[in-house]
Amino acid sequence: MQNRYLRLSWDLPEIYLYQAPINFRKQANGLALLVEQELGHSPFLGALYAFTNRQRKRLNT
């Protein structure tokens, strides 16, 4: 059995935290729409977007 290790990449993406709480029932299309309309970014350029719930106990990327 081979050991598999997580390799860190030095090419880390830009990470954005959406500050307003979101409803976690939103699907990927709804979150992509938030990224486009609220942040003015294209969700397809390789950046990472993080969202939190109202209590700030969960994180969704």
Protein backbone atom coordinates (compact mmCIF):
# COMPACT_ATOMS: atom_id res chain seq x y z
CA MET A 1 0.00 0.00 0.00
CA GLN A 2 1.36 3.41 -0.97
CA ASN A 3 1.34 6.37 1.35
CA ARG A 4 -0.45 9.35 -0.10
CA TYR A 5 0.37 12.80 1.14
CA LEU A 6 -1.27 16.12 0.57
CA ARG A 7 1.10 18.37 -1.32
CA LEU A 8 0.78 22.09 -0.84
CA SER A 9 0.75 24.20 -3.96
CA TRP A 10 2.44 27.55 -4.01
CA ASP A 11 -0.11 28.66 -6.58
CA LEU A 12 -2.83 29.32 -4.03
CA PRO A 13 -6.04 30.91 -5.32
CA GLU A 14 -7.35 34.23 -4.12
CA ILE A 15 -9.79 33.71 -1.25
CA TYR A 16 -12.79 35.97 -0.69
CA LEU A 17 -15.09 35.91 2.33
CA TYR A 18 -18.66 37.02 1.63
CA GLN A 19 -19.49 38.94 4.80
CA ALA A 20 -23.29 38.83 4.80
CA PRO A 21 -24.80 35.59 6.12
CA ILE A 22 -26.38 33.33 3.51
CA ASN A 23 -29.07 30.67 3.56
CA PHE A 24 -27.20 27.36 3.29
CA ARG A 25 -30.03 25.89 1.21
CA LYS A 26 -28.72 27.90 -1.75
CA GLN A 27 -27.30 25.74 -4.49
CA ALA A 28 -24.09 26.39 -6.45
CA ASN A 29 -25.92 28.46 -9.07
CA GLY A 30 -27.36 30.78 -6.42
CA LEU A 31 -23.95 31.28 -4.84
CA ALA A 32 -22.38 31.93 -8.25
CA LEU A 33 -25.05 34.57 -8.85
CA LEU A 34 -24.12 36.24 -5.54
CA VAL A 35 -20.48 36.31 -6.58
CA GLU A 36 -21.36 37.92 -9.91
CA GLN A 37 -23.93 40.44 -8.71
CA GLU A 38 -22.68 41.39 -5.25
CA LEU A 39 -18.91 41.13 -5.67
CA GLY A 40 -18.66 41.86 -9.39
CA HIS A 41 -16.38 38.85 -9.97
CA SER A 42 -16.65 35.96 -12.39
CA PRO A 43 -17.07 32.73 -10.39
CA PHE A 44 -15.18 30.81 -13.09
CA LEU A 45 -11.74 32.45 -12.78
CA GLY A 46 -10.34 30.09 -10.13
CA ALA A 47 -10.79 32.17 -6.97
CA LEU A 48 -12.23 30.61 -3.83
CA TYR A 49 -15.34 32.16 -2.27
CA ALA A 50 -16.37 31.39 1.32
CA PHE A 51 -19.82 31.98 2.80
CA THR A 52 -21.06 31.73 6.40
CA ASN A 53 -24.42 31.19 8.04
CA ARG A 54 -26.10 33.69 10.36
CA GLN A 55 -24.56 32.22 13.53
CA ARG A 56 -21.08 32.13 11.90
CA LYS A 57 -20.76 28.47 12.90
CA ARG A 58 -20.57 26.99 9.40
CA LEU A 59 -18.55 27.76 6.32
CA ASN A 60 -19.51 26.95 2.74
CA THR A 61 -17.09 27.26 -0.20
